[in-house]
Amino acid sequence: MKLSCRIAALAGLSCALAGFASAAEPDRSGNLWSHWYVGAGIGPGFGAKYKLNGQSVTFSDSLQTDKSGLGAVNFVNAGITLSPNFLFGLSGSAVGQSGKVAGNDAQLRISNFLATLTWFPAEKGFFVRGGAGLSSILIDTGVSSERANGFGVLVGAGYVLPVARRHNVTFTVDYSLQSYNGSSTKPDNSQFGAAYLGYMYRR
């Protein structure tokens, strides 16, 4: 998916999230589940590589010609507010790159579906986060396609900038590692980093 399409999709998702959140009636009950957040982000990826048969291979080296940029998307980031300092939720993210191998259309993608804990030392602004959960990698050369599933961990940091009541712009940098049950055709592990510009609604 081209970057312009990703940006348009994120803008549409952000508007939908904002509209839904604004329409919701405030819950003053103090119930834990009445305090929640939801958001998404998009940006460049970096350092994406995998280890296959003892050799570390970058995404760029795996592709020969017509290489796209390495793009990343945090397509969902949502959960509950445990306290003013802590958020607990789920994060889905992916990094991908496309190109050609021997004239065939090829693509590489790593995906994470993680439980995350976010800590705001000063209750707002700067935050750090960590996560763990399920991961997968797709290596499609246009002739053959291999997919491996495994376990992933993530560390990251960022900043939340309020722009209106409950609405925020977010800046996040994450790095994640993945481990798989490798074979002669499937990777043993992978890793990637990403820098996201995003939106968050926090109730």
N, C-alpha and C. Protein backbone atom coordinates (compact mmCIF):
# COMPACT_ATOMS: atom_id res chain seq x y z
N MET A 1 0.85 -1.19 0.00
CA MET A 1 0.00 0.00 0.00
C MET A 1 0.89 1.24 0.00
N LYS A 2 0.61 2.18 -0.91
CA LYS A 2 1.44 3.36 -1.01
C LYS A 2 1.20 4.28 0.19
N LEU A 3 2.24 5.13 0.46
CA LEU A 3 2.20 5.98 1.64
C LEU A 3 0.99 6.90 1.62
N SER A 4 0.66 7.47 0.44
CA SER A 4 -0.48 8.39 0.36
C SER A 4 -1.78 7.70 0.74
N CYS A 5 -1.91 6.43 0.33
CA CYS A 5 -3.12 5.67 0.68
C CYS A 5 -3.16 5.39 2.18
N ARG A 6 -1.99 5.11 2.77
CA ARG A 6 -1.93 4.85 4.21
C ARG A 6 -2.31 6.10 4.99
N ILE A 7 -1.79 7.26 4.54
CA ILE A 7 -2.11 8.51 5.22
C ILE A 7 -3.60 8.80 5.14
N ALA A 8 -4.18 8.59 3.95
CA ALA A 8 -5.62 8.83 3.78
C ALA A 8 -6.43 7.89 4.66
N ALA A 9 -5.99 6.61 4.73
CA ALA A 9 -6.71 5.64 5.56
C ALA A 9 -6.63 6.02 7.03
N LEU A 10 -5.45 6.46 7.48
CA LEU A 10 -5.29 6.86 8.88
C LEU A 10 -6.12 8.09 9.19
N ALA A 11 -6.16 9.06 8.25
CA ALA A 11 -6.96 10.26 8.46
C ALA A 11 -8.44 9.90 8.60
N GLY A 12 -8.90 8.97 7.74
CA GLY A 12 -10.29 8.54 7.84
C GLY A 12 -10.59 7.84 9.14
N LEU A 13 -9.66 6.97 9.57
CA LEU A 13 -9.84 6.26 10.84
C LEU A 13 -9.85 7.23 12.00
N SER A 14 -8.95 8.21 11.98
CA SER A 14 -8.87 9.19 13.06
C SER A 14 -10.16 10.00 13.16
N CYS A 15 -10.69 10.41 12.01
CA CYS A 15 -11.95 11.17 12.01
C CYS A 15 -13.09 10.32 12.56
N ALA A 16 -13.10 9.05 12.17
CA ALA A 16 -14.16 8.16 12.66
C ALA A 16 -14.05 7.97 14.16
N LEU A 17 -12.84 7.76 14.65
CA LEU A 17 -12.62 7.60 16.09
C LEU A 17 -13.03 8.86 16.85
N ALA A 18 -12.64 10.02 16.30
CA ALA A 18 -12.97 11.27 16.96
C ALA A 18 -14.48 11.51 17.00
N GLY A 19 -15.15 11.19 15.89
CA GLY A 19 -16.59 11.37 15.84
C GLY A 19 -17.31 10.46 16.82
N PHE A 20 -16.88 9.20 16.88
CA PHE A 20 -17.49 8.25 17.80
C PHE A 20 -17.25 8.69 19.24
N ALA A 21 -16.01 9.08 19.54
CA ALA A 21 -15.67 9.44 20.91
C ALA A 21 -16.41 10.70 21.35
N SER A 22 -16.54 11.67 20.46
CA SER A 22 -17.21 12.92 20.81
C SER A 22 -18.70 12.70 21.06
N ALA A 23 -19.25 11.70 20.36
CA ALA A 23 -20.68 11.44 20.52
C ALA A 23 -21.00 10.68 21.79
N ALA A 24 -19.98 10.05 22.38
CA ALA A 24 -20.21 9.25 23.59
C ALA A 24 -20.55 10.14 24.78
N GLU A 25 -21.51 9.72 25.60
CA GLU A 25 -21.87 10.45 26.81
C GLU A 25 -20.84 10.21 27.89
N PRO A 26 -20.41 11.21 28.62
CA PRO A 26 -19.43 10.99 29.69
C PRO A 26 -20.00 10.13 30.80
N ASP A 27 -19.17 9.24 31.31
CA ASP A 27 -19.56 8.36 32.41
C ASP A 27 -18.85 8.83 33.66
N ARG A 28 -19.58 9.32 34.62
CA ARG A 28 -19.01 9.85 35.86
C ARG A 28 -19.08 8.84 37.00
N SER A 29 -19.30 7.59 36.66
CA SER A 29 -19.48 6.57 37.69
C SER A 29 -18.19 6.22 38.41
N GLY A 30 -17.05 6.52 37.77
CA GLY A 30 -15.78 6.13 38.36
C GLY A 30 -15.40 4.70 38.04
N ASN A 31 -16.22 3.99 37.27
CA ASN A 31 -15.93 2.63 36.86
C ASN A 31 -14.65 2.59 36.05
N LEU A 32 -13.77 1.61 36.32
CA LEU A 32 -12.50 1.49 35.61
C LEU A 32 -12.71 1.45 34.10
N TRP A 33 -13.75 0.72 33.66
CA TRP A 33 -13.97 0.56 32.22
C TRP A 33 -14.53 1.81 31.57
N SER A 34 -14.90 2.83 32.36
CA SER A 34 -15.38 4.07 31.77
C SER A 34 -14.23 5.00 31.38
N HIS A 35 -13.00 4.63 31.75
CA HIS A 35 -11.82 5.43 31.41
C HIS A 35 -10.97 4.62 30.43
N TRP A 36 -10.97 5.04 29.17
CA TRP A 36 -10.33 4.25 28.14
C TRP A 36 -9.66 5.17 27.13
N TYR A 37 -8.90 4.56 26.24
CA TYR A 37 -8.22 5.31 25.18
C TYR A 37 -8.23 4.50 23.90
N VAL A 38 -8.11 5.19 22.78
CA VAL A 38 -8.04 4.53 21.48
C VAL A 38 -7.28 5.43 20.52
N GLY A 39 -6.51 4.84 19.66
CA GLY A 39 -5.73 5.65 18.73
C GLY A 39 -5.10 4.81 17.64
N ALA A 40 -4.30 5.47 16.78
CA ALA A 40 -3.61 4.82 15.68
C ALA A 40 -2.46 5.73 15.25
N GLY A 41 -1.55 5.19 14.43
CA GLY A 41 -0.42 5.99 13.98
C GLY A 41 0.19 5.42 12.72
N ILE A 42 1.00 6.25 12.07
CA ILE A 42 1.66 5.84 10.83
C ILE A 42 2.99 6.55 10.71
N GLY A 43 3.95 5.91 10.02
CA GLY A 43 5.25 6.54 9.86
C GLY A 43 6.25 5.61 9.21
N PRO A 44 7.52 5.99 9.22
CA PRO A 44 8.56 5.15 8.61
C PRO A 44 9.02 4.04 9.55
N GLY A 45 9.45 2.95 8.97
CA GLY A 45 10.09 1.88 9.73
C GLY A 45 11.59 1.97 9.57
N PHE A 46 12.32 1.30 10.41
CA PHE A 46 13.78 1.26 10.29
C PHE A 46 14.31 -0.03 10.92
N GLY A 47 15.47 -0.48 10.42
CA GLY A 47 16.13 -1.65 11.00
C GLY A 47 15.41 -2.96 10.84
N ALA A 48 14.52 -3.08 9.86
CA ALA A 48 13.77 -4.33 9.69
C ALA A 48 14.68 -5.41 9.08
N LYS A 49 14.80 -6.52 9.78
CA LYS A 49 15.61 -7.64 9.28
C LYS A 49 15.16 -8.94 9.93
N TYR A 50 15.62 -10.04 9.37
CA TYR A 50 15.30 -11.36 9.91
C TYR A 50 16.51 -12.27 9.78
N LYS A 51 16.52 -13.34 10.56
CA LYS A 51 17.63 -14.30 10.55
C LYS A 51 17.14 -15.61 9.98
N LEU A 52 17.74 -16.04 8.87
CA LEU A 52 17.35 -17.26 8.19
C LEU A 52 18.59 -18.11 7.93
N ASN A 53 18.56 -19.36 8.39
CA ASN A 53 19.70 -20.27 8.22
C ASN A 53 21.00 -19.67 8.73
N GLY A 54 20.91 -18.99 9.87
CA GLY A 54 22.10 -18.43 10.49
C GLY A 54 22.58 -17.12 9.90
N GLN A 55 21.90 -16.60 8.88
CA GLN A 55 22.31 -15.37 8.22
C GLN A 55 21.28 -14.27 8.46
N SER A 56 21.76 -13.09 8.88
CA SER A 56 20.89 -11.95 9.10
C SER A 56 20.69 -11.20 7.79
N VAL A 57 19.42 -10.99 7.42
CA VAL A 57 19.09 -10.38 6.13
C VAL A 57 18.17 -9.19 6.35
N THR A 58 18.54 -8.03 5.81
CA THR A 58 17.66 -6.87 5.91
C THR A 58 16.56 -6.97 4.86
N PHE A 59 15.47 -6.25 5.10
CA PHE A 59 14.39 -6.23 4.12
C PHE A 59 14.91 -5.72 2.78
N SER A 60 15.72 -4.66 2.82
CA SER A 60 16.22 -4.07 1.58
C SER A 60 17.08 -5.05 0.79
N ASP A 61 17.91 -5.83 1.50
CA ASP A 61 18.77 -6.80 0.81
C ASP A 61 17.96 -7.94 0.20
N SER A 62 16.79 -8.24 0.76
CA SER A 62 15.97 -9.33 0.24
C SER A 62 15.30 -8.97 -1.08
N LEU A 63 15.13 -7.69 -1.32
CA LEU A 63 14.48 -7.21 -2.53
C LEU A 63 15.53 -6.71 -3.51
N GLN A 64 15.31 -6.91 -4.80
CA GLN A 64 16.32 -6.57 -5.79
C GLN A 64 16.08 -5.23 -6.48
N THR A 65 14.89 -5.02 -7.00
CA THR A 65 14.60 -3.78 -7.74
C THR A 65 13.22 -3.25 -7.36
N ASP A 66 12.94 -2.02 -7.80
CA ASP A 66 11.64 -1.37 -7.57
C ASP A 66 11.24 -1.39 -6.10
N LYS A 67 12.20 -1.11 -5.23
CA LYS A 67 11.93 -1.18 -3.80
C LYS A 67 11.12 0.03 -3.33
N SER A 68 10.09 -0.24 -2.55
CA SER A 68 9.34 0.85 -1.91
C SER A 68 10.07 1.27 -0.64
N GLY A 69 9.60 2.35 -0.02
CA GLY A 69 10.12 2.72 1.28
C GLY A 69 9.63 1.74 2.33
N LEU A 70 10.34 1.68 3.44
CA LEU A 70 9.94 0.81 4.55
C LEU A 70 8.91 1.57 5.38
N GLY A 71 7.65 1.14 5.31
CA GLY A 71 6.57 1.84 6.01
C GLY A 71 6.06 1.06 7.20
N ALA A 72 5.57 1.79 8.20
CA ALA A 72 5.05 1.17 9.42
C ALA A 72 3.70 1.77 9.77
N VAL A 73 2.85 0.97 10.36
CA VAL A 73 1.54 1.45 10.80
C VAL A 73 1.20 0.82 12.15
N ASN A 74 0.74 1.65 13.06
CA ASN A 74 0.19 1.18 14.34
C ASN A 74 -1.32 1.28 14.17
N PHE A 75 -1.93 0.22 13.63
CA PHE A 75 -3.32 0.32 13.18
C PHE A 75 -4.33 0.31 14.30
N VAL A 76 -3.95 -0.15 15.49
CA VAL A 76 -4.83 -0.01 16.64
C VAL A 76 -3.99 0.07 17.90
N ASN A 77 -4.39 0.97 18.78
CA ASN A 77 -3.75 1.13 20.08
C ASN A 77 -4.87 1.52 21.03
N ALA A 78 -5.35 0.58 21.83
CA ALA A 78 -6.55 0.83 22.63
C ALA A 78 -6.51 0.06 23.93
N GLY A 79 -7.19 0.60 24.94
CA GLY A 79 -7.25 -0.09 26.22
C GLY A 79 -7.92 0.75 27.29
N ILE A 80 -7.55 0.50 28.55
CA ILE A 80 -8.17 1.18 29.69
C ILE A 80 -7.11 1.95 30.47
N THR A 81 -7.59 2.94 31.23
CA THR A 81 -6.73 3.72 32.10
C THR A 81 -6.75 3.10 33.49
N LEU A 82 -5.61 2.56 33.92
CA LEU A 82 -5.51 1.97 35.25
C LEU A 82 -5.40 3.04 36.33
N SER A 83 -4.71 4.13 36.00
CA SER A 83 -4.51 5.27 36.91
C SER A 83 -4.06 6.43 36.04
N PRO A 84 -3.91 7.64 36.61
CA PRO A 84 -3.42 8.76 35.80
C PRO A 84 -2.06 8.49 35.18
N ASN A 85 -1.29 7.56 35.75
CA ASN A 85 0.06 7.28 35.25
C ASN A 85 0.15 6.07 34.32
N PHE A 86 -0.84 5.16 34.41
CA PHE A 86 -0.70 3.90 33.70
C PHE A 86 -1.89 3.62 32.78
N LEU A 87 -1.56 3.15 31.55
CA LEU A 87 -2.55 2.66 30.60
C LEU A 87 -2.22 1.21 30.29
N PHE A 88 -3.26 0.38 30.18
CA PHE A 88 -3.07 -1.01 29.79
C PHE A 88 -3.97 -1.30 28.60
N GLY A 89 -3.40 -1.94 27.56
CA GLY A 89 -4.23 -2.21 26.40
C GLY A 89 -3.58 -3.13 25.40
N LEU A 90 -4.08 -3.06 24.17
CA LEU A 90 -3.62 -3.87 23.06
C LEU A 90 -3.09 -2.98 21.95
N SER A 91 -2.04 -3.43 21.31
CA SER A 91 -1.44 -2.69 20.21
C SER A 91 -1.21 -3.62 19.03
N GLY A 92 -1.69 -3.22 17.87
CA GLY A 92 -1.44 -3.96 16.64
C GLY A 92 -0.61 -3.10 15.70
N SER A 93 0.50 -3.61 15.23
CA SER A 93 1.38 -2.82 14.37
C SER A 93 2.03 -3.72 13.33
N ALA A 94 2.55 -3.10 12.27
CA ALA A 94 3.21 -3.86 11.22
C ALA A 94 4.19 -2.96 10.49
N VAL A 95 5.23 -3.59 9.93
CA VAL A 95 6.17 -2.91 9.07
C VAL A 95 6.27 -3.72 7.78
N GLY A 96 6.39 -3.03 6.65
CA GLY A 96 6.41 -3.76 5.39
C GLY A 96 7.17 -3.03 4.30
N GLN A 97 7.62 -3.80 3.32
CA GLN A 97 8.31 -3.25 2.17
C GLN A 97 8.03 -4.15 0.98
N SER A 98 7.92 -3.55 -0.21
CA SER A 98 7.66 -4.32 -1.42
C SER A 98 8.71 -4.00 -2.47
N GLY A 99 8.80 -4.85 -3.46
CA GLY A 99 9.76 -4.67 -4.55
C GLY A 99 9.66 -5.85 -5.50
N LYS A 100 10.74 -6.13 -6.19
CA LYS A 100 10.77 -7.25 -7.12
C LYS A 100 11.97 -8.14 -6.84
N VAL A 101 11.77 -9.45 -7.03
CA VAL A 101 12.83 -10.45 -6.95
C VAL A 101 12.77 -11.26 -8.23
N ALA A 102 13.83 -11.22 -9.02
CA ALA A 102 13.88 -11.91 -10.31
C ALA A 102 12.69 -11.53 -11.19
N GLY A 103 12.30 -10.26 -11.13
CA GLY A 103 11.21 -9.77 -11.95
C GLY A 103 9.82 -10.02 -11.40
N ASN A 104 9.72 -10.72 -10.29
CA ASN A 104 8.42 -11.02 -9.68
C ASN A 104 8.11 -10.05 -8.55
N ASP A 105 6.83 -9.70 -8.40
CA ASP A 105 6.41 -8.84 -7.30
C ASP A 105 6.62 -9.56 -5.98
N ALA A 106 7.30 -8.88 -5.05
CA ALA A 106 7.62 -9.50 -3.76
C ALA A 106 7.26 -8.54 -2.63
N GLN A 107 7.02 -9.10 -1.46
CA GLN A 107 6.72 -8.27 -0.29
C GLN A 107 7.21 -8.96 0.99
N LEU A 108 7.56 -8.12 1.96
CA LEU A 108 8.00 -8.60 3.27
C LEU A 108 7.21 -7.84 4.32
N ARG A 109 6.77 -8.53 5.37
CA ARG A 109 5.99 -7.87 6.41
C ARG A 109 6.17 -8.57 7.75
N ILE A 110 6.35 -7.77 8.80
CA ILE A 110 6.34 -8.27 10.18
C ILE A 110 5.16 -7.63 10.89
N SER A 111 4.40 -8.42 11.63
CA SER A 111 3.22 -7.91 12.34
C SER A 111 3.31 -8.26 13.82
N ASN A 112 2.85 -7.35 14.66
CA ASN A 112 2.79 -7.56 16.11
C ASN A 112 1.36 -7.38 16.60
N PHE A 113 0.93 -8.23 17.52
CA PHE A 113 -0.36 -8.10 18.22
C PHE A 113 -0.05 -8.30 19.70
N LEU A 114 0.16 -7.18 20.41
CA LEU A 114 0.76 -7.23 21.74
C LEU A 114 -0.12 -6.61 22.82
N ALA A 115 -0.01 -7.13 24.03
CA ALA A 115 -0.55 -6.47 25.21
C ALA A 115 0.51 -5.48 25.68
N THR A 116 0.10 -4.25 25.97
CA THR A 116 1.07 -3.21 26.31
C THR A 116 0.71 -2.50 27.62
N LEU A 117 1.74 -2.02 28.31
CA LEU A 117 1.59 -1.20 29.50
C LEU A 117 2.35 0.10 29.25
N THR A 118 1.64 1.22 29.39
CA THR A 118 2.22 2.54 29.14
C THR A 118 2.30 3.32 30.44
N TRP A 119 3.44 3.94 30.70
CA TRP A 119 3.67 4.69 31.93
C TRP A 119 3.97 6.15 31.62
N PHE A 120 3.19 7.05 32.23
CA PHE A 120 3.41 8.49 32.15
C PHE A 120 4.03 8.94 33.47
N PRO A 121 5.32 9.20 33.54
CA PRO A 121 5.95 9.61 34.81
C PRO A 121 5.32 10.85 35.42
N ALA A 122 4.90 11.79 34.56
CA ALA A 122 4.30 13.04 35.05
C ALA A 122 2.80 13.10 34.78
N GLU A 123 2.18 11.93 34.53
CA GLU A 123 0.74 11.79 34.27
C GLU A 123 0.32 12.29 32.90
N LYS A 124 1.16 13.02 32.18
CA LYS A 124 0.86 13.47 30.83
C LYS A 124 2.17 13.78 30.12
N GLY A 125 2.08 14.04 28.82
CA GLY A 125 3.28 14.36 28.06
C GLY A 125 4.10 13.12 27.74
N PHE A 126 5.33 13.07 28.25
CA PHE A 126 6.26 11.98 27.96
C PHE A 126 5.78 10.66 28.54
N PHE A 127 6.00 9.56 27.77
CA PHE A 127 5.65 8.23 28.26
C PHE A 127 6.65 7.21 27.76
N VAL A 128 6.69 6.08 28.45
CA VAL A 128 7.42 4.90 27.99
C VAL A 128 6.44 3.74 27.99
N ARG A 129 6.71 2.75 27.15
CA ARG A 129 5.80 1.60 27.12
C ARG A 129 6.55 0.33 26.76
N GLY A 130 5.96 -0.79 27.16
CA GLY A 130 6.50 -2.09 26.84
C GLY A 130 5.36 -3.03 26.53
N GLY A 131 5.65 -4.11 25.83
CA GLY A 131 4.59 -5.04 25.48
C GLY A 131 5.11 -6.40 25.11
N ALA A 132 4.21 -7.37 25.07
CA ALA A 132 4.55 -8.74 24.69
C ALA A 132 3.30 -9.41 24.13
N GLY A 133 3.50 -10.35 23.21
CA GLY A 133 2.35 -11.05 22.64
C GLY A 133 2.72 -11.82 21.39
N LEU A 134 1.80 -11.87 20.43
CA LEU A 134 1.95 -12.66 19.22
C LEU A 134 2.55 -11.84 18.09
N SER A 135 3.37 -12.50 17.27
CA SER A 135 3.98 -11.86 16.12
C SER A 135 3.97 -12.82 14.94
N SER A 136 4.13 -12.27 13.74
CA SER A 136 4.23 -13.10 12.54
C SER A 136 5.08 -12.39 11.50
N ILE A 137 5.62 -13.17 10.57
CA ILE A 137 6.40 -12.61 9.47
C ILE A 137 5.94 -13.25 8.17
N LEU A 138 5.88 -12.45 7.11
CA LEU A 138 5.54 -12.93 5.78
C LEU A 138 6.71 -12.62 4.85
N ILE A 139 7.20 -13.65 4.14
CA ILE A 139 8.23 -13.48 3.13
C ILE A 139 7.67 -14.02 1.83
N ASP A 140 7.29 -13.13 0.94
CA ASP A 140 6.67 -13.50 -0.33
C ASP A 140 7.58 -13.05 -1.47
N THR A 141 8.20 -13.99 -2.17
CA THR A 141 9.13 -13.66 -3.25
C THR A 141 8.45 -13.57 -4.61
N GLY A 142 7.14 -13.80 -4.65
CA GLY A 142 6.44 -13.82 -5.92
C GLY A 142 6.40 -15.20 -6.54
N VAL A 143 7.32 -16.07 -6.14
CA VAL A 143 7.34 -17.46 -6.58
C VAL A 143 6.91 -18.37 -5.45
N SER A 144 7.38 -18.07 -4.24
CA SER A 144 6.99 -18.83 -3.05
C SER A 144 6.66 -17.85 -1.93
N SER A 145 5.88 -18.34 -0.99
CA SER A 145 5.46 -17.51 0.14
C SER A 145 5.61 -18.31 1.43
N GLU A 146 6.30 -17.73 2.40
CA GLU A 146 6.49 -18.38 3.70
C GLU A 146 5.97 -17.46 4.80
N ARG A 147 5.26 -18.04 5.74
CA ARG A 147 4.75 -17.29 6.89
C ARG A 147 5.13 -18.05 8.16
N ALA A 148 5.62 -17.32 9.16
CA ALA A 148 5.95 -17.92 10.45
C ALA A 148 5.28 -17.13 11.56
N ASN A 149 4.82 -17.83 12.58
CA ASN A 149 4.19 -17.20 13.73
C ASN A 149 5.06 -17.44 14.96
N GLY A 150 5.02 -16.48 15.89
CA GLY A 150 5.84 -16.63 17.08
C GLY A 150 5.48 -15.64 18.16
N PHE A 151 6.48 -15.28 18.94
CA PHE A 151 6.31 -14.42 20.11
C PHE A 151 7.11 -13.15 19.92
N GLY A 152 6.54 -12.02 20.36
CA GLY A 152 7.22 -10.74 20.20
C GLY A 152 7.22 -9.91 21.47
N VAL A 153 8.23 -9.06 21.61
CA VAL A 153 8.31 -8.10 22.71
C VAL A 153 8.61 -6.72 22.12
N LEU A 154 8.22 -5.69 22.86
CA LEU A 154 8.35 -4.31 22.37
C LEU A 154 8.75 -3.38 23.50
N VAL A 155 9.58 -2.39 23.18
CA VAL A 155 9.86 -1.28 24.08
C VAL A 155 9.73 0.00 23.26
N GLY A 156 9.30 1.07 23.91
CA GLY A 156 9.13 2.31 23.18
C GLY A 156 8.97 3.50 24.10
N ALA A 157 8.96 4.68 23.50
CA ALA A 157 8.78 5.93 24.22
C ALA A 157 8.14 6.93 23.29
N GLY A 158 7.55 7.97 23.88
CA GLY A 158 6.91 8.97 23.03
C GLY A 158 6.39 10.13 23.83
N TYR A 159 5.54 10.90 23.17
CA TYR A 159 4.98 12.11 23.78
C TYR A 159 3.55 12.29 23.29
N VAL A 160 2.68 12.65 24.21
CA VAL A 160 1.27 12.94 23.88
C VAL A 160 1.05 14.44 24.01
N LEU A 161 0.60 15.05 22.92
CA LEU A 161 0.37 16.49 22.87
C LEU A 161 -1.13 16.77 22.76
N PRO A 162 -1.77 17.32 23.81
CA PRO A 162 -3.20 17.63 23.74
C PRO A 162 -3.48 18.72 22.71
N VAL A 163 -4.52 18.53 21.90
CA VAL A 163 -4.91 19.54 20.91
C VAL A 163 -6.33 20.03 21.14
N ALA A 164 -7.13 19.29 21.88
CA ALA A 164 -8.50 19.65 22.23
C ALA A 164 -8.91 18.73 23.37
N ARG A 165 -10.06 19.00 23.96
CA ARG A 165 -10.51 18.19 25.08
C ARG A 165 -10.58 16.72 24.69
N ARG A 166 -9.77 15.90 25.35
CA ARG A 166 -9.69 14.46 25.15
C ARG A 166 -9.00 14.04 23.85
N HIS A 167 -8.70 14.97 22.97
CA HIS A 167 -8.08 14.65 21.68
C HIS A 167 -6.59 15.01 21.72
N ASN A 168 -5.74 14.09 21.22
CA ASN A 168 -4.30 14.27 21.33
C ASN A 168 -3.58 13.84 20.06
N VAL A 169 -2.47 14.50 19.78
CA VAL A 169 -1.53 14.06 18.76
C VAL A 169 -0.41 13.31 19.49
N THR A 170 0.02 12.19 18.93
CA THR A 170 1.05 11.38 19.58
C THR A 170 2.28 11.23 18.69
N PHE A 171 3.43 11.17 19.34
CA PHE A 171 4.70 10.90 18.67
C PHE A 171 5.34 9.71 19.41
N THR A 172 5.57 8.63 18.70
CA THR A 172 6.04 7.39 19.34
C THR A 172 7.16 6.75 18.54
N VAL A 173 8.17 6.26 19.24
CA VAL A 173 9.23 5.45 18.63
C VAL A 173 9.27 4.11 19.37
N ASP A 174 9.12 3.02 18.61
CA ASP A 174 9.11 1.67 19.18
C ASP A 174 10.20 0.82 18.55
N TYR A 175 10.66 -0.18 19.30
CA TYR A 175 11.53 -1.20 18.72
C TYR A 175 11.06 -2.55 19.24
N SER A 176 10.96 -3.53 18.36
CA SER A 176 10.43 -4.83 18.76
C SER A 176 11.27 -5.97 18.20
N LEU A 177 11.27 -7.07 18.95
CA LEU A 177 11.97 -8.30 18.58
C LEU A 177 10.96 -9.43 18.51
N GLN A 178 11.16 -10.34 17.54
CA GLN A 178 10.25 -11.47 17.36
C GLN A 178 11.06 -12.77 17.31
N SER A 179 10.48 -13.83 17.83
CA SER A 179 11.12 -15.15 17.80
C SER A 179 10.14 -16.16 17.20
N TYR A 180 10.66 -17.03 16.30
CA TYR A 180 9.82 -18.01 15.60
C TYR A 180 10.44 -19.41 15.72
N ASN A 181 9.66 -20.42 15.40
CA ASN A 181 10.19 -21.78 15.26
C ASN A 181 10.74 -21.91 13.85
N GLY A 182 12.01 -21.57 13.68
CA GLY A 182 12.61 -21.50 12.36
C GLY A 182 12.83 -22.87 11.72
N SER A 183 13.05 -22.83 10.40
CA SER A 183 13.36 -24.03 9.63
C SER A 183 14.27 -23.59 8.49
N SER A 184 14.51 -24.47 7.52
CA SER A 184 15.37 -24.11 6.39
C SER A 184 14.76 -23.02 5.52
N THR A 185 13.43 -22.85 5.60
CA THR A 185 12.76 -21.84 4.78
C THR A 185 12.07 -20.76 5.60
N LYS A 186 12.03 -20.93 6.94
CA LYS A 186 11.36 -19.95 7.80
C LYS A 186 12.36 -19.34 8.78
N PRO A 187 12.24 -18.03 9.05
CA PRO A 187 13.21 -17.35 9.91
C PRO A 187 13.18 -17.83 11.35
N ASP A 188 14.32 -17.66 12.02
CA ASP A 188 14.41 -17.94 13.46
C ASP A 188 13.92 -16.75 14.28
N ASN A 189 14.21 -15.55 13.81
CA ASN A 189 13.82 -14.35 14.53
C ASN A 189 13.80 -13.15 13.59
N SER A 190 13.31 -12.03 14.08
CA SER A 190 13.28 -10.79 13.30
C SER A 190 13.22 -9.61 14.26
N GLN A 191 13.33 -8.42 13.71
CA GLN A 191 13.25 -7.20 14.51
C GLN A 191 12.96 -6.00 13.61
N PHE A 192 12.37 -4.98 14.20
CA PHE A 192 12.18 -3.73 13.46
C PHE A 192 11.89 -2.59 14.42
N GLY A 193 12.15 -1.40 13.95
CA GLY A 193 11.81 -0.18 14.67
C GLY A 193 10.85 0.65 13.85
N ALA A 194 10.15 1.57 14.50
CA ALA A 194 9.20 2.43 13.79
C ALA A 194 9.02 3.74 14.55
N ALA A 195 8.78 4.80 13.80
CA ALA A 195 8.47 6.11 14.37
C ALA A 195 7.09 6.52 13.86
N TYR A 196 6.15 6.71 14.79
CA TYR A 196 4.76 6.96 14.42
C TYR A 196 4.32 8.38 14.77
N LEU A 197 3.60 8.98 13.85
CA LEU A 197 2.80 10.18 14.13
C LEU A 197 1.36 9.70 14.20
N GLY A 198 0.68 9.97 15.32
CA GLY A 198 -0.65 9.39 15.47
C GLY A 198 -1.65 10.27 16.18
N TYR A 199 -2.78 9.67 16.45
CA TYR A 199 -3.91 10.32 17.13
C TYR A 199 -4.35 9.45 18.30
N MET A 200 -4.72 10.07 19.41
CA MET A 200 -5.26 9.33 20.54
C MET A 200 -6.44 10.09 21.15
N TYR A 201 -7.53 9.36 21.38
CA TYR A 201 -8.63 9.88 22.17
C TYR A 201 -8.52 9.22 23.53
N ARG A 202 -8.45 10.01 24.59
CA ARG A 202 -8.32 9.47 25.95
C ARG A 202 -9.45 9.99 26.80
N ARG A 203 -10.26 9.08 27.30
CA ARG A 203 -11.44 9.47 28.09
C ARG A 203 -11.17 9.30 29.56
